[in-house]
């Protein structure tokens, strides 16, 4: 791909498989508050718009604040125990840096927990910048987060590529006028992703090297 200088990555479902940690923290929270636990697929399908929005459909409004606090307290430990990189992530990021690309992270996950993941899994050395939605007014699929990162590097939309795993990632890229590569390792189905018409759809993160 000619002209690309910056590659922005989503975190969960794209580089990191944190679903086991999310599921454990979610059902711990439900149990503590007396709500029914949910199946893994139900929880996976609710992921992507931050932890508050993950919990909101499953608890009464009066319990939401407590639910978020319980979830976050449990999740600090669960992330360290149950999260892992998807295969070949280190290889991909190393190759991209060697080729001279600037790398960044754009996540709807709160900054505190994104940084826990990045440090624990040894990703910090790859990224020039990490920006999360709790530092902004809008969550993805709003384009704000991608625009802010692109502008930080003084680059144009045509010089930027966004790599994610969900329909909201494809939508965010479209709204920001940047090309999207979507990997099918997250919580959106391939059929759902196809409807959003991203630039490319890949099965594994290692396939990104073929696209570039």
Protein backbone atom coordinates (compact mmCIF):
# COMPACT_ATOMS: atom_id res chain seq x y z
CA UNK A 1 0.00 0.00 0.00
CA UNK A 2 1.56 3.24 -1.15
CA UNK A 3 1.59 6.32 1.04
CA UNK A 4 0.74 4.70 4.37
CA UNK A 5 2.94 6.05 7.18
CA UNK A 6 0.79 5.44 10.28
CA UNK A 7 -0.95 2.24 11.32
CA UNK A 8 -3.44 2.53 14.18
CA UNK A 9 -4.54 -0.64 15.95
CA UNK A 10 -7.54 -1.50 18.05
CA UNK A 11 -6.50 -3.57 21.07
CA UNK A 12 -9.13 -6.12 22.17
CA UNK A 13 -10.00 -8.73 19.57
CA UNK A 14 -7.32 -7.38 17.22
CA UNK A 15 -3.97 -7.76 19.01
CA UNK A 16 -5.09 -9.13 22.36
CA UNK A 17 -7.45 -11.92 23.31
CA UNK A 18 -8.85 -10.55 26.58
CA UNK A 19 -12.23 -12.23 26.21
CA UNK A 20 -11.61 -14.80 28.98
CA UNK A 21 -10.75 -11.96 31.38
CA UNK A 22 -13.78 -9.93 30.31
CA UNK A 23 -16.11 -12.90 30.71
CA UNK A 24 -14.80 -13.73 34.18
CA UNK A 25 -15.04 -10.12 35.38
CA UNK A 26 -18.50 -9.72 33.86
CA UNK A 27 -19.96 -12.82 35.49
CA UNK A 28 -18.23 -12.05 38.79
CA UNK A 29 -20.02 -8.69 38.75
CA UNK A 30 -23.38 -10.27 37.90
CA UNK A 31 -22.97 -12.78 40.71
CA UNK A 32 -22.05 -10.13 43.29
CA UNK A 33 -25.12 -8.06 42.42
CA UNK A 34 -27.52 -11.00 42.26
CA UNK A 35 -28.05 -10.94 38.50
CA UNK A 36 -27.95 -14.08 36.32
CA UNK A 37 -24.61 -14.93 34.76
CA UNK A 38 -24.46 -14.78 30.98
CA UNK A 39 -23.11 -17.12 28.34
CA UNK A 40 -19.69 -16.37 26.87
CA UNK A 41 -21.11 -15.59 23.41
CA UNK A 42 -23.63 -13.12 24.84
CA UNK A 43 -20.83 -11.26 26.62
CA UNK A 44 -18.53 -11.30 23.57
CA UNK A 45 -21.29 -9.80 21.45
CA UNK A 46 -21.70 -6.93 23.94
CA UNK A 47 -17.99 -5.99 23.95
CA UNK A 48 -16.56 -3.00 22.10
CA UNK A 49 -18.05 0.18 23.52
CA UNK A 50 -16.31 0.39 26.89
CA UNK A 51 -17.01 -1.36 30.18
CA UNK A 52 -19.95 0.80 31.24
CA UNK A 53 -21.78 0.09 28.00
CA UNK A 54 -20.89 -3.58 28.35
CA UNK A 55 -22.68 -3.79 31.69
CA UNK A 56 -25.53 -1.35 31.11
CA UNK A 57 -27.95 -3.72 29.29
CA UNK A 58 -27.69 -6.34 32.04
CA UNK A 59 -28.26 -4.35 35.24
CA UNK A 60 -30.81 -1.86 36.54
CA UNK A 61 -29.85 1.79 36.25
CA UNK A 62 -29.52 2.15 40.02
CA UNK A 63 -26.93 -0.66 40.07
CA UNK A 64 -24.80 0.48 37.13
CA UNK A 65 -22.30 2.59 39.07
CA UNK A 66 -21.68 -0.21 41.57
CA UNK A 67 -21.44 -2.74 38.75
CA UNK A 68 -18.74 -0.72 37.01
CA UNK A 69 -16.73 -0.42 40.24
CA UNK A 70 -16.99 -4.16 40.92
CA UNK A 71 -16.08 -5.01 37.35
CA UNK A 72 -13.03 -2.75 37.28
CA UNK A 73 -11.71 -3.96 40.64
CA UNK A 74 -11.92 -7.59 39.51
CA UNK A 75 -10.65 -6.82 36.01
CA UNK A 76 -7.31 -5.40 37.18
CA UNK A 77 -6.35 -8.91 38.29
CA UNK A 78 -8.26 -10.87 35.65
CA UNK A 79 -6.45 -9.10 32.81
CA UNK A 80 -3.09 -10.25 34.13
CA UNK A 81 -4.26 -13.84 34.54
CA UNK A 82 -6.38 -14.49 31.49
CA UNK A 83 -5.25 -12.22 28.62
CA UNK A 84 -2.86 -13.22 25.86
CA UNK A 85 -1.62 -11.98 22.51
CA UNK A 86 -3.06 -13.48 19.38
CA UNK A 87 -0.52 -15.60 17.45
CA UNK A 88 2.19 -13.69 15.55
CA UNK A 89 1.37 -10.25 17.02
CA UNK A 90 4.99 -9.66 18.05
CA UNK A 91 6.21 -10.70 14.60
CA UNK A 92 3.77 -8.37 12.84
CA UNK A 93 4.54 -5.34 14.99
CA UNK A 94 8.29 -5.92 14.73
CA UNK A 95 8.12 -6.15 10.93
CA UNK A 96 6.01 -3.02 10.65
CA UNK A 97 8.39 -1.01 12.80
CA UNK A 98 11.34 -2.28 10.75
CA UNK A 99 9.57 -1.06 7.62
CA UNK A 100 9.35 2.42 9.16
CA UNK A 101 5.65 2.65 9.98
CA UNK A 102 4.53 4.67 12.99
CA UNK A 103 2.30 2.52 15.21
CA UNK A 104 -0.45 3.64 17.59
CA UNK A 105 -3.39 2.23 19.57
CA UNK A 106 -7.00 3.48 19.53
CA UNK A 107 -9.22 1.70 22.05
CA UNK A 108 -12.66 2.14 23.58
CA UNK A 109 -11.27 0.38 26.66
CA UNK A 110 -10.40 2.82 29.51
CA UNK A 111 -6.79 4.04 29.51
CA UNK A 112 -5.91 2.39 32.83
CA UNK A 113 -6.82 -1.08 31.60
CA UNK A 114 -5.39 -0.60 28.12
CA UNK A 115 -2.04 0.26 29.68
CA UNK A 116 -2.23 -2.76 32.01
CA UNK A 117 -2.63 -4.97 28.94
CA UNK A 118 0.05 -3.21 26.90
CA UNK A 119 2.65 -3.39 29.66
CA UNK A 120 1.81 -6.91 30.81
CA UNK A 121 1.96 -8.35 27.29
CA UNK A 122 5.15 -6.52 26.29
CA UNK A 123 3.60 -4.25 23.68
CA UNK A 124 4.72 -0.86 24.98
CA UNK A 125 7.94 -0.83 22.93
CA UNK A 126 6.04 -0.96 19.66
CA UNK A 127 3.72 2.02 20.02
CA UNK A 128 4.50 5.70 19.63
CA UNK A 129 1.10 6.70 21.01
CA UNK A 130 -1.87 5.17 22.84
CA UNK A 131 -5.23 6.95 22.99
CA UNK A 132 -8.39 5.65 24.64
CA UNK A 133 -11.96 6.87 24.51
CA UNK A 134 -12.12 7.89 28.18
CA UNK A 135 -9.83 10.80 27.22
CA UNK A 136 -12.27 11.98 24.55
CA UNK A 137 -15.88 13.08 24.18
CA UNK A 138 -16.88 10.25 21.87
CA UNK A 139 -16.47 6.47 21.58
CA UNK A 140 -15.84 4.68 18.33
CA UNK A 141 -17.51 4.53 15.80
CA UNK A 142 -17.21 8.31 16.10
CA UNK A 143 -14.06 9.32 14.16
CA UNK A 144 -12.64 11.56 16.92
CA UNK A 145 -10.11 9.04 18.25
CA UNK A 146 -8.64 8.27 14.81
CA UNK A 147 -8.52 11.94 13.85
CA UNK A 148 -6.72 12.87 17.08
CA UNK A 149 -4.07 10.22 16.54
CA UNK A 150 -3.57 11.11 12.88
CA UNK A 151 -3.30 14.80 13.71
CA UNK A 152 -0.73 14.08 16.42
CA UNK A 153 1.59 12.81 13.69
CA UNK A 154 0.59 15.60 11.25
CA UNK A 155 -0.57 13.08 8.67
CA UNK A 156 -3.43 13.02 6.18
CA UNK A 157 -6.24 10.41 6.08
CA UNK A 158 -4.64 8.82 3.02
CA UNK A 159 -1.44 8.22 5.00
CA UNK A 160 -3.27 6.37 7.77
CA UNK A 161 -4.49 2.77 8.08
CA UNK A 162 -6.70 1.48 10.89
CA UNK A 163 -6.72 -2.18 11.92
CA UNK A 164 -9.62 -3.45 14.03
CA UNK A 165 -11.90 -6.42 14.54
CA UNK A 166 -15.48 -5.12 14.76
CA UNK A 167 -18.11 -3.36 12.70
CA UNK A 168 -17.62 -0.25 14.85
CA UNK A 169 -13.95 -0.24 13.82
CA UNK A 170 -14.88 -0.29 10.14
CA UNK A 171 -17.44 2.44 10.79
CA UNK A 172 -14.95 4.58 12.71
CA UNK A 173 -12.45 4.30 9.86
CA UNK A 174 -15.08 5.22 7.31
CA UNK A 175 -16.18 8.21 9.38
CA UNK A 176 -12.54 9.32 9.68
CA UNK A 177 -11.92 8.81 5.94
CA UNK A 178 -9.11 6.31 6.53
CA UNK A 179 -8.75 2.80 5.13
CA UNK A 180 -9.70 -0.09 7.43
CA UNK A 181 -8.38 -3.62 7.63
CA UNK A 182 -10.64 -5.80 9.77
CA UNK A 183 -9.47 -9.10 11.25
CA UNK A 184 -12.12 -11.71 12.05
CA UNK A 185 -10.81 -12.61 15.52
CA UNK A 186 -13.19 -10.36 17.44
CA UNK A 187 -16.87 -10.28 18.34
CA UNK A 188 -18.34 -9.24 14.97
CA UNK A 189 -19.16 -11.94 12.44
CA UNK A 190 -17.62 -11.91 8.98
CA UNK A 191 -21.06 -11.28 7.50
CA UNK A 192 -21.50 -8.19 9.67
CA UNK A 193 -18.03 -6.94 8.75
CA UNK A 194 -18.62 -7.45 5.01
CA UNK A 195 -21.68 -5.18 5.22
CA UNK A 196 -19.44 -2.31 6.35
CA UNK A 197 -17.21 -2.64 3.23
CA UNK A 198 -13.78 -2.15 4.81
CA UNK A 199 -10.70 -1.90 2.59
CA UNK A 200 -9.66 -5.49 3.46
CA UNK A 201 -10.88 -8.35 5.66
CA UNK A 202 -8.26 -10.77 7.00
CA UNK A 203 -8.52 -13.99 8.99
CA UNK A 204 -5.38 -13.59 11.14
CA UNK A 205 -3.27 -10.60 12.13
CA UNK A 206 -0.24 -12.11 10.33
CA UNK A 207 -2.15 -11.57 7.06
CA UNK A 208 -1.74 -7.83 7.55
CA UNK A 209 1.84 -8.16 6.26
CA UNK A 210 0.46 -9.41 2.94
CA UNK A 211 -1.89 -6.44 2.68
CA UNK A 212 1.00 -4.02 3.19
